[in-house]
Amino acid sequence: MSHLHEERIDGTQVFDGVLLDVRRDRVRLPDGGESVREYIVHPGAVVIVAVLDDDRLLFENQFRYPLQRDFLELPAGKIDAGEAIERTARRELLEETGYEAATWRHLGVMHPCIGYSDERIEIFLARGLVKVAEPSLDHNEFLDVLTLSLAEAVAAVRDGRITDAKTITALFWAEKLLAGDWD
């Protein structure tokens, strides 16, 4: 165990919502003192770099209420309880874009909010895409599907049109893999 480890003494649930479970724990610090840690327990999510046969990537434009604006993002979604992560990726890609993929590769994981959440986002690369249906969105979900080349997507990160952390991280992985720099 790391010499920086903080041990939970006790804790309480502050809020239990549809998506978020907010906790407040009292912890013992590495120097023996005590402090309070507030954090969100999250079920986890997936993000998919979906590559079309012409090498363009599937993107979504979606309004995100907390920031009151549209965001350009890769397809993504929450992991349901007990659901395998690749199953989540397949389900989300189909529901949000209408595409299925012949090949799937798990690239890695990211933790977008390490200071206040245990959320993890599993990153997938999907290839051999076939449009099999129209998107089948949740009743409260609205988005537009579009495509960008990898170069256009990287340019959108650079000029600030893409600011979503999961999308930026997944594009970093995709850029390295698609260029042959990583296995």
C-alpha atoms as a PDB file:
ATOM      1  CA  MET A   1       0.000   0.000   0.000  1.00  0.00           C
ATOM      2  CA  SER A   2       1.243   3.482  -0.837  1.00  0.00           C
ATOM      3  CA  HIS A   3       2.593   5.721   1.906  1.00  0.00           C
ATOM      4  CA  LEU A   4       0.116   8.305   0.563  1.00  0.00           C
ATOM      5  CA  HIS A   5      -2.940   6.118   1.256  1.00  0.00           C
ATOM      6  CA  GLU A   6      -5.917   7.629   3.067  1.00  0.00           C
ATOM      7  CA  GLU A   7      -8.033   5.228   5.115  1.00  0.00           C
ATOM      8  CA  ARG A   8     -11.802   5.608   5.408  1.00  0.00           C
ATOM      9  CA  ILE A   9     -12.935   5.955   9.021  1.00  0.00           C
ATOM     10  CA  ASP A  10     -16.642   6.357   8.359  1.00  0.00           C
ATOM     11  CA  GLY A  11     -18.949   7.938   5.857  1.00  0.00           C
ATOM     12  CA  THR A  12     -22.441   8.820   4.813  1.00  0.00           C
ATOM     13  CA  GLN A  13     -24.460   9.084   1.646  1.00  0.00           C
ATOM     14  CA  VAL A  14     -25.380  12.739   1.058  1.00  0.00           C
ATOM     15  CA  PHE A  15     -27.528  12.268  -2.060  1.00  0.00           C
ATOM     16  CA  ASP A  16     -28.824   9.309  -4.072  1.00  0.00           C
ATOM     17  CA  GLY A  17     -30.117  10.387  -7.473  1.00  0.00           C
ATOM     18  CA  VAL A  18     -30.923   8.838 -10.814  1.00  0.00           C
ATOM     19  CA  LEU A  19     -27.269   8.935 -11.917  1.00  0.00           C
ATOM     20  CA  LEU A  20     -25.251  10.307  -9.025  1.00  0.00           C
ATOM     21  CA  ASP A  21     -24.548   8.919  -5.576  1.00  0.00           C
ATOM     22  CA  VAL A  22     -22.813  11.605  -3.495  1.00  0.00           C
ATOM     23  CA  ARG A  23     -20.800  10.536  -0.450  1.00  0.00           C
ATOM     24  CA  ARG A  24     -18.960  12.282   2.391  1.00  0.00           C
ATOM     25  CA  ASP A  25     -16.306  10.230   4.182  1.00  0.00           C
ATOM     26  CA  ARG A  26     -14.102  10.970   7.144  1.00  0.00           C
ATOM     27  CA  VAL A  27     -10.578   9.720   6.429  1.00  0.00           C
ATOM     28  CA  ARG A  28      -7.301   9.176   8.233  1.00  0.00           C
ATOM     29  CA  LEU A  29      -4.493  10.993   6.424  1.00  0.00           C
ATOM     30  CA  PRO A  30      -0.965   9.621   5.897  1.00  0.00           C
ATOM     31  CA  ASP A  31       0.323  11.799   8.743  1.00  0.00           C
ATOM     32  CA  GLY A  32      -2.322  10.453  11.169  1.00  0.00           C
ATOM     33  CA  GLY A  33      -4.610  13.474  10.965  1.00  0.00           C
ATOM     34  CA  GLU A  34      -8.203  13.418   9.798  1.00  0.00           C
ATOM     35  CA  SER A  35     -10.037  15.119   6.954  1.00  0.00           C
ATOM     36  CA  VAL A  36     -13.275  14.951   4.981  1.00  0.00           C
ATOM     37  CA  ARG A  37     -13.567  13.717   1.399  1.00  0.00           C
ATOM     38  CA  GLU A  38     -16.678  14.380  -0.679  1.00  0.00           C
ATOM     39  CA  TYR A  39     -17.047  12.404  -3.883  1.00  0.00           C
ATOM     40  CA  ILE A  40     -19.459  10.978  -6.415  1.00  0.00           C
ATOM     41  CA  VAL A  41     -19.890   7.241  -6.948  1.00  0.00           C
ATOM     42  CA  HIS A  42     -20.535   6.676 -10.656  1.00  0.00           C
ATOM     43  CA  PRO A  43     -21.400   3.422 -12.485  1.00  0.00           C
ATOM     44  CA  GLY A  44     -18.798   4.040 -15.195  1.00  0.00           C
ATOM     45  CA  ALA A  45     -19.136   4.638 -18.905  1.00  0.00           C
ATOM     46  CA  VAL A  46     -17.714   3.795 -22.309  1.00  0.00           C
ATOM     47  CA  VAL A  47     -16.572   5.948 -25.211  1.00  0.00           C
ATOM     48  CA  ILE A  48     -16.265   4.620 -28.740  1.00  0.00           C
ATOM     49  CA  VAL A  49     -13.907   5.686 -31.521  1.00  0.00           C
ATOM     50  CA  ALA A  50     -16.049   4.371 -34.391  1.00  0.00           C
ATOM     51  CA  VAL A  51     -14.098   4.333 -37.678  1.00  0.00           C
ATOM     52  CA  LEU A  52     -16.014   4.198 -40.963  1.00  0.00           C
ATOM     53  CA  ASP A  53     -14.565   2.423 -44.023  1.00  0.00           C
ATOM     54  CA  ASP A  54     -13.476   5.826 -45.419  1.00  0.00           C
ATOM     55  CA  ASP A  55     -11.545   6.443 -42.144  1.00  0.00           C
ATOM     56  CA  ARG A  56     -13.967   9.142 -40.970  1.00  0.00           C
ATOM     57  CA  LEU A  57     -15.041   8.962 -37.319  1.00  0.00           C
ATOM     58  CA  LEU A  58     -18.584   9.057 -35.982  1.00  0.00           C
ATOM     59  CA  PHE A  59     -19.338  12.012 -33.730  1.00  0.00           C
ATOM     60  CA  GLU A  60     -22.355  13.360 -31.928  1.00  0.00           C
ATOM     61  CA  ASN A  61     -23.457  16.894 -31.247  1.00  0.00           C
ATOM     62  CA  GLN A  62     -25.380  16.990 -27.980  1.00  0.00           C
ATOM     63  CA  PHE A  63     -26.642  19.691 -25.617  1.00  0.00           C
ATOM     64  CA  ARG A  64     -25.182  19.284 -22.133  1.00  0.00           C
ATOM     65  CA  TYR A  65     -27.323  20.962 -19.510  1.00  0.00           C
ATOM     66  CA  PRO A  66     -24.717  21.707 -16.803  1.00  0.00           C
ATOM     67  CA  LEU A  67     -22.734  23.907 -19.206  1.00  0.00           C
ATOM     68  CA  GLN A  68     -25.763  25.116 -21.213  1.00  0.00           C
ATOM     69  CA  ARG A  69     -24.299  24.402 -24.637  1.00  0.00           C
ATOM     70  CA  ASP A  70     -23.836  21.841 -27.360  1.00  0.00           C
ATOM     71  CA  PHE A  71     -20.755  19.611 -27.296  1.00  0.00           C
ATOM     72  CA  LEU A  72     -19.079  17.683 -30.090  1.00  0.00           C
ATOM     73  CA  GLU A  73     -18.357  14.217 -28.664  1.00  0.00           C
ATOM     74  CA  LEU A  74     -17.609  10.648 -29.610  1.00  0.00           C
ATOM     75  CA  PRO A  75     -20.457   8.168 -28.959  1.00  0.00           C
ATOM     76  CA  ALA A  76     -20.550   7.198 -25.306  1.00  0.00           C
ATOM     77  CA  GLY A  77     -22.806   6.001 -22.545  1.00  0.00           C
ATOM     78  CA  LYS A  78     -23.258   4.715 -19.022  1.00  0.00           C
ATOM     79  CA  ILE A  79     -22.510   1.125 -18.046  1.00  0.00           C
ATOM     80  CA  ASP A  80     -25.645  -0.558 -16.707  1.00  0.00           C
ATOM     81  CA  ALA A  81     -25.363  -2.589 -13.502  1.00  0.00           C
ATOM     82  CA  GLY A  82     -23.864  -6.005 -14.242  1.00  0.00           C
ATOM     83  CA  GLU A  83     -23.256  -5.190 -17.920  1.00  0.00           C
ATOM     84  CA  ALA A  84     -19.948  -6.164 -19.541  1.00  0.00           C
ATOM     85  CA  ILE A  85     -18.130  -3.104 -20.879  1.00  0.00           C
ATOM     86  CA  GLU A  86     -17.964  -4.301 -24.501  1.00  0.00           C
ATOM     87  CA  ARG A  87     -21.710  -5.008 -24.359  1.00  0.00           C
ATOM     88  CA  THR A  88     -22.225  -1.411 -23.201  1.00  0.00           C
ATOM     89  CA  ALA A  89     -20.097  -0.116 -26.074  1.00  0.00           C
ATOM     90  CA  ARG A  90     -22.012  -2.181 -28.644  1.00  0.00           C
ATOM     91  CA  ARG A  91     -25.369  -1.097 -27.197  1.00  0.00           C
ATOM     92  CA  GLU A  92     -24.482   2.593 -27.049  1.00  0.00           C
ATOM     93  CA  LEU A  93     -23.065   2.678 -30.587  1.00  0.00           C
ATOM     94  CA  LEU A  94     -26.216   1.068 -31.969  1.00  0.00           C
ATOM     95  CA  GLU A  95     -28.658   3.143 -29.903  1.00  0.00           C
ATOM     96  CA  GLU A  96     -26.995   6.491 -30.550  1.00  0.00           C
ATOM     97  CA  THR A  97     -25.829   6.090 -34.154  1.00  0.00           C
ATOM     98  CA  GLY A  98     -27.611   3.079 -35.672  1.00  0.00           C
ATOM     99  CA  TYR A  99     -24.263   1.406 -36.472  1.00  0.00           C
ATOM    100  CA  GLU A 100     -22.881  -1.987 -35.551  1.00  0.00           C
ATOM    101  CA  ALA A 101     -19.182  -2.851 -35.762  1.00  0.00           C
ATOM    102  CA  ALA A 102     -17.507  -6.055 -36.943  1.00  0.00           C
ATOM    103  CA  THR A 103     -14.387  -5.590 -34.812  1.00  0.00           C
ATOM    104  CA  TRP A 104     -13.921  -4.167 -31.344  1.00  0.00           C
ATOM    105  CA  ARG A 105     -10.762  -3.359 -29.472  1.00  0.00           C
ATOM    106  CA  HIS A 106     -10.531  -2.176 -25.878  1.00  0.00           C
ATOM    107  CA  LEU A 107      -7.916   0.585 -25.804  1.00  0.00           C
ATOM    108  CA  GLY A 108      -7.764   1.550 -22.158  1.00  0.00           C
ATOM    109  CA  VAL A 109      -9.464   3.443 -19.381  1.00  0.00           C
ATOM    110  CA  MET A 110      -9.562   7.052 -18.263  1.00  0.00           C
ATOM    111  CA  HIS A 111     -10.671   8.642 -14.997  1.00  0.00           C
ATOM    112  CA  PRO A 112     -12.097  12.063 -15.911  1.00  0.00           C
ATOM    113  CA  CYS A 113     -12.666  13.567 -12.451  1.00  0.00           C
ATOM    114  CA  ILE A 114     -10.189  12.023 -10.007  1.00  0.00           C
ATOM    115  CA  GLY A 115     -10.603  14.775  -7.431  1.00  0.00           C
ATOM    116  CA  TYR A 116     -14.317  14.203  -6.848  1.00  0.00           C
ATOM    117  CA  SER A 117     -15.543  11.031  -8.566  1.00  0.00           C
ATOM    118  CA  ASP A 118     -14.695   7.354  -8.958  1.00  0.00           C
ATOM    119  CA  GLU A 119     -15.987   7.426 -12.555  1.00  0.00           C
ATOM    120  CA  ARG A 120     -14.068   5.430 -15.109  1.00  0.00           C
ATOM    121  CA  ILE A 121     -14.557   5.574 -18.860  1.00  0.00           C
ATOM    122  CA  GLU A 122     -13.549   2.537 -20.896  1.00  0.00           C
ATOM    123  CA  ILE A 123     -12.224   3.441 -24.372  1.00  0.00           C
ATOM    124  CA  PHE A 124     -13.044   1.284 -27.404  1.00  0.00           C
ATOM    125  CA  LEU A 125     -12.085   1.299 -31.071  1.00  0.00           C
ATOM    126  CA  ALA A 126     -14.795  -0.023 -33.409  1.00  0.00           C
ATOM    127  CA  ARG A 127     -14.216  -0.880 -37.082  1.00  0.00           C
ATOM    128  CA  GLY A 128     -16.117  -2.545 -39.885  1.00  0.00           C
ATOM    129  CA  LEU A 129     -19.126  -0.330 -39.297  1.00  0.00           C
ATOM    130  CA  VAL A 130     -22.470  -1.113 -40.905  1.00  0.00           C
ATOM    131  CA  LYS A 131     -25.534   1.109 -40.611  1.00  0.00           C
ATOM    132  CA  VAL A 132     -28.294  -1.291 -39.499  1.00  0.00           C
ATOM    133  CA  ALA A 133     -30.941   1.048 -38.066  1.00  0.00           C
ATOM    134  CA  GLU A 134     -31.842   4.577 -37.245  1.00  0.00           C
ATOM    135  CA  PRO A 135     -30.691   5.792 -33.830  1.00  0.00           C
ATOM    136  CA  SER A 136     -32.943   4.650 -30.977  1.00  0.00           C
ATOM    137  CA  LEU A 137     -32.400   7.326 -28.348  1.00  0.00           C
ATOM    138  CA  ASP A 138     -33.700   7.389 -24.800  1.00  0.00           C
ATOM    139  CA  HIS A 139     -36.888   9.426 -24.333  1.00  0.00           C
ATOM    140  CA  ASN A 140     -34.910  12.336 -22.877  1.00  0.00           C
ATOM    141  CA  GLU A 141     -31.917  12.165 -25.244  1.00  0.00           C
ATOM    142  CA  PHE A 142     -31.456  14.358 -28.319  1.00  0.00           C
ATOM    143  CA  LEU A 143     -28.373  14.437 -30.535  1.00  0.00           C
ATOM    144  CA  ASP A 144     -27.148  14.776 -34.104  1.00  0.00           C
ATOM    145  CA  VAL A 145     -24.744  12.238 -35.634  1.00  0.00           C
ATOM    146  CA  LEU A 146     -21.984  13.521 -37.918  1.00  0.00           C
ATOM    147  CA  THR A 147     -18.582  12.467 -39.201  1.00  0.00           C
ATOM    148  CA  LEU A 148     -15.138  14.034 -39.049  1.00  0.00           C
ATOM    149  CA  SER A 149     -11.779  12.868 -40.290  1.00  0.00           C
ATOM    150  CA  LEU A 150      -9.192  12.280 -37.600  1.00  0.00           C
ATOM    151  CA  ALA A 151      -7.349  15.417 -38.775  1.00  0.00           C
ATOM    152  CA  GLU A 152     -10.555  17.471 -38.532  1.00  0.00           C
ATOM    153  CA  ALA A 153     -11.221  16.105 -35.047  1.00  0.00           C
ATOM    154  CA  VAL A 154      -7.704  16.892 -33.834  1.00  0.00           C
ATOM    155  CA  ALA A 155      -8.025  20.399 -35.310  1.00  0.00           C
ATOM    156  CA  ALA A 156     -11.329  20.781 -33.427  1.00  0.00           C
ATOM    157  CA  VAL A 157      -9.535  19.898 -30.178  1.00  0.00           C
ATOM    158  CA  ARG A 158      -6.795  22.387 -30.948  1.00  0.00           C
ATOM    159  CA  ASP A 159      -9.165  25.264 -31.765  1.00  0.00           C
ATOM    160  CA  GLY A 160     -11.494  24.570 -28.834  1.00  0.00           C
ATOM    161  CA  ARG A 161     -14.528  23.141 -30.647  1.00  0.00           C
ATOM    162  CA  ILE A 162     -13.948  19.832 -28.840  1.00  0.00           C
ATOM    163  CA  THR A 163     -13.387  20.260 -25.109  1.00  0.00           C
ATOM    164  CA  ASP A 164     -14.943  17.039 -23.776  1.00  0.00           C
ATOM    165  CA  ALA A 165     -12.304  15.104 -21.818  1.00  0.00           C
ATOM    166  CA  LYS A 166     -13.393  11.598 -22.830  1.00  0.00           C
ATOM    167  CA  THR A 167     -13.397  12.593 -26.494  1.00  0.00           C
ATOM    168  CA  ILE A 168      -9.974  14.232 -26.296  1.00  0.00           C
ATOM    169  CA  THR A 169      -8.491  11.229 -24.494  1.00  0.00           C
ATOM    170  CA  ALA A 170     -10.009   8.720 -26.915  1.00  0.00           C
ATOM    171  CA  LEU A 171      -8.801  10.773 -29.898  1.00  0.00           C
ATOM    172  CA  PHE A 172      -5.291  10.755 -28.450  1.00  0.00           C
ATOM    173  CA  TRP A 173      -5.387   6.937 -28.346  1.00  0.00           C
ATOM    174  CA  ALA A 174      -6.930   6.735 -31.826  1.00  0.00           C
ATOM    175  CA  GLU A 175      -4.375   9.094 -33.346  1.00  0.00           C
ATOM    176  CA  LYS A 176      -1.505   6.970 -32.031  1.00  0.00           C
ATOM    177  CA  LEU A 177      -3.075   3.657 -33.073  1.00  0.00           C
ATOM    178  CA  LEU A 178      -4.277   4.725 -36.514  1.00  0.00           C
ATOM    179  CA  ALA A 179      -0.874   6.257 -37.307  1.00  0.00           C
ATOM    180  CA  GLY A 180       0.803   2.952 -36.369  1.00  0.00           C
ATOM    181  CA  ASP A 181       2.708   4.512 -33.450  1.00  0.00           C
ATOM    182  CA  TRP A 182       1.128   2.149 -30.899  1.00  0.00           C
ATOM    183  CA  ASP A 183       0.182  -1.518 -31.186  1.00  0.00           C
END
